[in-house]
Amino acid sequence: MSSRTAAGESGPFRTDPLDRSAVAAVALITLFTVALATAQLTAAKVLALPLPVALPVVGPEILLPGAALAYALTFLASDCYAELYGRRATQVVVNVAFLANFLVLALVWSTLAAPGVDPEVSAAFQTALGPAANIVAGSLLAYVVSQNWDVFVFHAIRDRTGERMLWLRNIGSTATSQAIDTAIFVGVAFYVAPTLLGAGPVFGPSALLALGLGQYILKLGIAVLDTPVVYLIVGAVRN
């Protein structure tokens, strides 16, 4: 028997190519990494979402990075993965994906640095994809802290509730980790990095508070709304 055959027979699909647990693991890791890569590429664009009524501090619109929705999907994927496959496996996914961020940045930077045929297209690529140092610093630090915190809190709640109250650990872990993520990202990207590195605009306290609070309101809403999806995915795999 060849080594290739032996290795293939020891894989997760050795008994059933459509095994739900194995397919779900691959699908959730894929969702996590695709959403994370998309978030890295879209974080530099600041969106302005109008509100039906003006909120205190936030005002008539929510300001947030273009990566907000993609990044929210990473918490959906990691919470489903944590529920199905455990804390250690999820921490591996989170931290390997963190290292993969640097691969994404290296590939983008190498493409931008290579000479292009059309200067206008090259300039457009630089404008759209050129990652600003303040955004990169903020997003990487926010990611590695908040995602690991999310896994920790999720399993701290699970240790006390068992398999019951999945909604509590999904919302509780995501709500606290998104608060940490928002505080670190906004603080580093729009105050610390611009102040220390001279990269990007320096926001004042009121602007930082409005930007952070607006982002968190939206992220918290997504965490609540994605709870039925978490139940659906976990139930489909287990049943």
Protein backbone atom coordinates (compact mmCIF):
# COMPACT_ATOMS: atom_id res chain seq x y z
CA MET A 1 0.00 0.00 0.00
CA SER A 2 1.42 3.40 -0.95
CA SER A 3 1.91 6.16 1.60
CA ARG A 4 -0.64 8.25 -0.29
CA THR A 5 -3.30 5.55 0.07
CA ALA A 6 -2.48 5.03 3.72
CA ALA A 7 -2.71 8.74 4.42
CA GLY A 8 -5.97 9.02 2.52
CA GLU A 9 -7.55 6.20 4.49
CA SER A 10 -6.72 7.89 7.77
CA GLY A 11 -8.42 11.17 6.85
CA PRO A 12 -11.75 12.47 8.20
CA PHE A 13 -13.63 11.30 5.07
CA ARG A 14 -12.29 7.72 5.11
CA THR A 15 -15.66 6.14 5.99
CA ASP A 16 -18.13 8.56 4.43
CA PRO A 17 -17.24 11.30 1.91
CA LEU A 18 -20.37 13.18 3.03
CA ASP A 19 -19.85 12.81 6.78
CA ARG A 20 -21.64 15.83 8.24
CA SER A 21 -19.15 16.47 11.02
CA ALA A 22 -16.16 16.46 8.68
CA VAL A 23 -17.94 18.53 6.01
CA ALA A 24 -19.06 21.05 8.63
CA ALA A 25 -15.52 21.38 9.99
CA VAL A 26 -14.12 22.14 6.53
CA ALA A 27 -17.03 24.49 5.72
CA LEU A 28 -16.71 26.47 8.97
CA ILE A 29 -12.92 26.83 8.64
CA THR A 30 -13.41 27.95 5.04
CA LEU A 31 -16.05 30.50 6.07
CA PHE A 32 -13.80 31.77 8.84
CA THR A 33 -10.73 32.23 6.63
CA VAL A 34 -12.63 33.70 3.64
CA ALA A 35 -14.44 36.19 5.88
CA LEU A 36 -11.19 37.09 7.63
CA ALA A 37 -9.32 37.66 4.36
CA THR A 38 -12.21 39.75 3.03
CA ALA A 39 -12.22 41.81 6.23
CA GLN A 40 -8.51 42.48 5.89
CA LEU A 41 -8.98 43.77 2.34
CA THR A 42 -12.04 45.92 3.05
CA ALA A 43 -11.16 47.41 6.44
CA ALA A 44 -9.74 50.65 5.04
CA LYS A 45 -13.05 51.88 3.61
CA VAL A 46 -15.14 53.68 6.24
CA LEU A 47 -18.88 53.26 5.67
CA ALA A 48 -21.61 55.68 6.76
CA LEU A 49 -24.93 53.92 7.37
CA PRO A 50 -27.87 56.32 7.90
CA LEU A 51 -30.13 55.74 10.89
CA PRO A 52 -33.90 56.34 10.99
CA VAL A 53 -33.36 58.54 14.05
CA ALA A 54 -30.28 60.25 15.43
CA LEU A 55 -28.77 58.52 18.46
CA PRO A 56 -26.97 60.25 21.32
CA VAL A 57 -23.19 60.35 20.75
CA VAL A 58 -23.48 58.36 17.51
CA GLY A 59 -25.58 60.91 15.62
CA PRO A 60 -27.69 60.35 12.47
CA GLU A 61 -25.43 57.67 10.99
CA ILE A 62 -23.20 54.79 12.03
CA LEU A 63 -19.58 55.00 10.92
CA LEU A 64 -17.83 51.66 10.60
CA PRO A 65 -15.11 49.95 8.54
CA GLY A 66 -16.17 48.09 5.41
CA ALA A 67 -14.93 44.92 7.10
CA ALA A 68 -17.68 44.94 9.75
CA LEU A 69 -20.02 42.39 8.15
CA ALA A 70 -17.22 40.07 7.00
CA TYR A 71 -15.60 40.22 10.41
CA ALA A 72 -18.91 39.47 12.13
CA LEU A 73 -19.06 36.23 10.12
CA THR A 74 -15.78 35.11 11.70
CA PHE A 75 -17.46 35.12 15.12
CA LEU A 76 -20.42 33.16 13.76
CA ALA A 77 -18.05 30.56 12.31
CA SER A 78 -15.83 30.36 15.40
CA ASP A 79 -18.78 30.00 17.79
CA CYS A 80 -20.25 27.16 15.71
CA TYR A 81 -16.83 25.52 15.51
CA ALA A 82 -16.25 25.93 19.24
CA GLU A 83 -19.61 24.34 20.06
CA LEU A 84 -19.01 21.38 17.75
CA TYR A 85 -15.28 20.69 18.06
CA GLY A 86 -14.08 22.18 21.34
CA ARG A 87 -11.87 24.91 22.70
CA ARG A 88 -8.45 23.65 21.64
CA ALA A 89 -9.45 22.98 18.05
CA THR A 90 -10.99 26.46 17.81
CA GLN A 91 -7.91 28.14 19.24
CA VAL A 92 -5.82 26.39 16.58
CA VAL A 93 -8.11 27.73 13.84
CA VAL A 94 -8.06 31.26 15.29
CA ASN A 95 -4.28 31.45 15.68
CA VAL A 96 -3.38 29.75 12.40
CA ALA A 97 -5.76 32.18 10.66
CA PHE A 98 -3.96 35.04 12.44
CA LEU A 99 -0.70 33.94 10.83
CA ALA A 100 -2.52 33.63 7.50
CA ASN A 101 -3.29 37.36 7.76
CA PHE A 102 0.38 38.03 7.12
CA LEU A 103 0.27 35.86 4.00
CA VAL A 104 -2.68 37.89 2.71
CA LEU A 105 -0.81 41.13 3.37
CA ALA A 106 2.38 39.81 1.75
CA LEU A 107 0.50 38.74 -1.39
CA VAL A 108 -1.29 42.09 -1.61
CA TRP A 109 1.88 44.09 -1.04
CA SER A 110 3.84 42.04 -3.59
CA THR A 111 1.12 42.57 -6.20
CA LEU A 112 1.05 46.31 -5.54
CA ALA A 113 4.85 46.52 -5.71
CA ALA A 114 5.10 44.69 -9.04
CA PRO A 115 5.19 46.94 -12.14
CA GLY A 116 1.87 47.20 -13.97
CA VAL A 117 1.12 47.67 -17.67
CA ASP A 118 -1.48 50.40 -17.13
CA PRO A 119 -0.50 53.16 -14.66
CA GLU A 120 -4.14 54.11 -14.07
CA VAL A 121 -5.08 50.55 -13.15
CA SER A 122 -2.02 50.31 -10.88
CA ALA A 123 -2.99 53.55 -9.15
CA ALA A 124 -6.56 52.30 -8.68
CA PHE A 125 -5.25 49.06 -7.16
CA GLN A 126 -3.02 51.04 -4.82
CA THR A 127 -5.91 53.22 -3.72
CA ALA A 128 -8.34 50.34 -3.22
CA LEU A 129 -6.08 47.63 -1.82
CA GLY A 130 -3.08 49.44 -0.37
CA PRO A 131 -3.41 48.58 3.34
CA ALA A 132 -2.81 51.62 5.55
CA ALA A 133 -0.37 50.98 8.40
CA ASN A 134 -2.80 52.23 11.04
CA ILE A 135 -5.61 49.96 9.81
CA VAL A 136 -3.31 46.92 9.63
CA ALA A 137 -1.94 47.51 13.14
CA GLY A 138 -5.39 48.04 14.60
CA SER A 139 -7.06 45.10 12.88
CA LEU A 140 -4.31 42.57 13.63
CA LEU A 141 -4.07 43.45 17.32
CA ALA A 142 -7.85 43.58 17.69
CA TYR A 143 -8.22 40.22 15.97
CA VAL A 144 -5.73 38.20 18.00
CA VAL A 145 -7.02 39.53 21.33
CA SER A 146 -10.77 39.48 20.66
CA GLN A 147 -10.93 36.11 18.91
CA ASN A 148 -9.01 34.33 21.66
CA TRP A 149 -11.19 36.06 24.25
CA ASP A 150 -14.29 34.90 22.35
CA VAL A 151 -13.15 31.26 22.54
CA PHE A 152 -12.28 31.61 26.24
CA VAL A 153 -15.63 33.15 27.25
CA PHE A 154 -17.63 30.76 25.06
CA HIS A 155 -16.17 27.74 26.84
CA ALA A 156 -16.23 29.38 30.27
CA ILE A 157 -20.01 29.70 29.86
CA ARG A 158 -20.28 26.20 28.38
CA ASP A 159 -18.45 24.70 31.37
CA ARG A 160 -21.23 26.06 33.58
CA THR A 161 -24.22 25.33 31.34
CA GLY A 162 -23.25 22.15 29.50
CA GLU A 163 -24.99 21.83 26.15
CA ARG A 164 -27.89 24.00 27.33
CA MET A 165 -28.24 27.73 26.63
CA LEU A 166 -26.24 27.90 23.43
CA TRP A 167 -27.81 31.33 22.86
CA LEU A 168 -26.17 32.63 26.04
CA ARG A 169 -22.65 31.59 25.16
CA ASN A 170 -23.05 32.73 21.56
CA ILE A 171 -24.31 36.20 22.48
CA GLY A 172 -22.24 36.53 25.66
CA SER A 173 -18.92 35.58 24.07
CA THR A 174 -19.52 37.62 20.92
CA ALA A 175 -20.85 40.69 22.75
CA THR A 176 -17.81 40.91 25.03
CA SER A 177 -15.25 40.03 22.36
CA GLN A 178 -16.75 42.54 19.90
CA ALA A 179 -16.51 45.23 22.57
CA ILE A 180 -12.82 44.42 23.02
CA ASP A 181 -12.31 44.24 19.26
CA THR A 182 -13.98 47.60 18.66
CA ALA A 183 -12.09 49.36 21.45
CA ILE A 184 -8.70 48.06 20.29
CA PHE A 185 -9.31 48.61 16.57
CA VAL A 186 -10.68 52.14 16.89
CA GLY A 187 -8.13 53.16 19.52
CA VAL A 188 -5.10 51.79 17.66
CA ALA A 189 -6.16 52.57 14.07
CA PHE A 190 -7.41 56.09 14.67
CA TYR A 191 -5.42 57.33 17.65
CA VAL A 192 -2.39 55.30 18.78
CA ALA A 193 -0.92 54.39 15.38
CA PRO A 194 -1.50 57.84 13.83
CA THR A 195 -0.02 59.52 16.91
CA LEU A 196 3.05 57.26 17.19
CA LEU A 197 3.63 56.37 13.52
CA GLY A 198 2.12 59.35 11.75
CA ALA A 199 -0.06 56.94 9.73
CA GLY A 200 -3.61 58.07 9.06
CA PRO A 201 -5.78 60.74 10.68
CA VAL A 202 -5.83 61.30 14.44
CA PHE A 203 -9.41 61.27 15.74
CA GLY A 204 -10.43 63.31 18.78
CA PRO A 205 -12.18 61.75 21.82
CA SER A 206 -15.70 62.55 20.63
CA ALA A 207 -15.05 61.13 17.16
CA LEU A 208 -13.45 58.00 18.62
CA LEU A 209 -16.42 57.47 20.93
CA ALA A 210 -18.94 57.95 18.13
CA LEU A 211 -17.04 55.65 15.78
CA GLY A 212 -16.60 52.94 18.40
CA LEU A 213 -20.13 53.09 19.80
CA GLY A 214 -21.72 53.02 16.36
CA GLN A 215 -19.69 49.99 15.35
CA TYR A 216 -20.50 48.16 18.55
CA ILE A 217 -24.24 48.74 18.25
CA LEU A 218 -24.22 47.18 14.79
CA LYS A 219 -21.97 44.29 15.83
CA LEU A 220 -24.14 43.54 18.86
CA GLY A 221 -27.22 43.51 16.64
CA ILE A 222 -25.55 41.03 14.30
CA ALA A 223 -24.58 38.82 17.28
CA VAL A 224 -28.22 38.65 18.36
CA LEU A 225 -29.55 38.06 14.86
CA ASP A 226 -27.06 35.29 14.02
CA THR A 227 -28.06 33.17 17.05
CA PRO A 228 -30.76 31.24 15.12
CA VAL A 229 -28.18 30.53 12.43
CA VAL A 230 -25.81 29.09 15.04
CA TYR A 231 -28.61 26.84 16.34
CA LEU A 232 -29.42 25.77 12.77
CA ILE A 233 -25.82 24.85 11.92
CA VAL A 234 -25.09 23.07 15.20
CA GLY A 235 -28.41 21.20 15.08
CA ALA A 236 -27.87 20.12 11.46
CA VAL A 237 -24.47 18.64 12.29
CA ARG A 238 -25.49 16.94 15.53
CA ASN A 239 -28.79 15.54 14.32
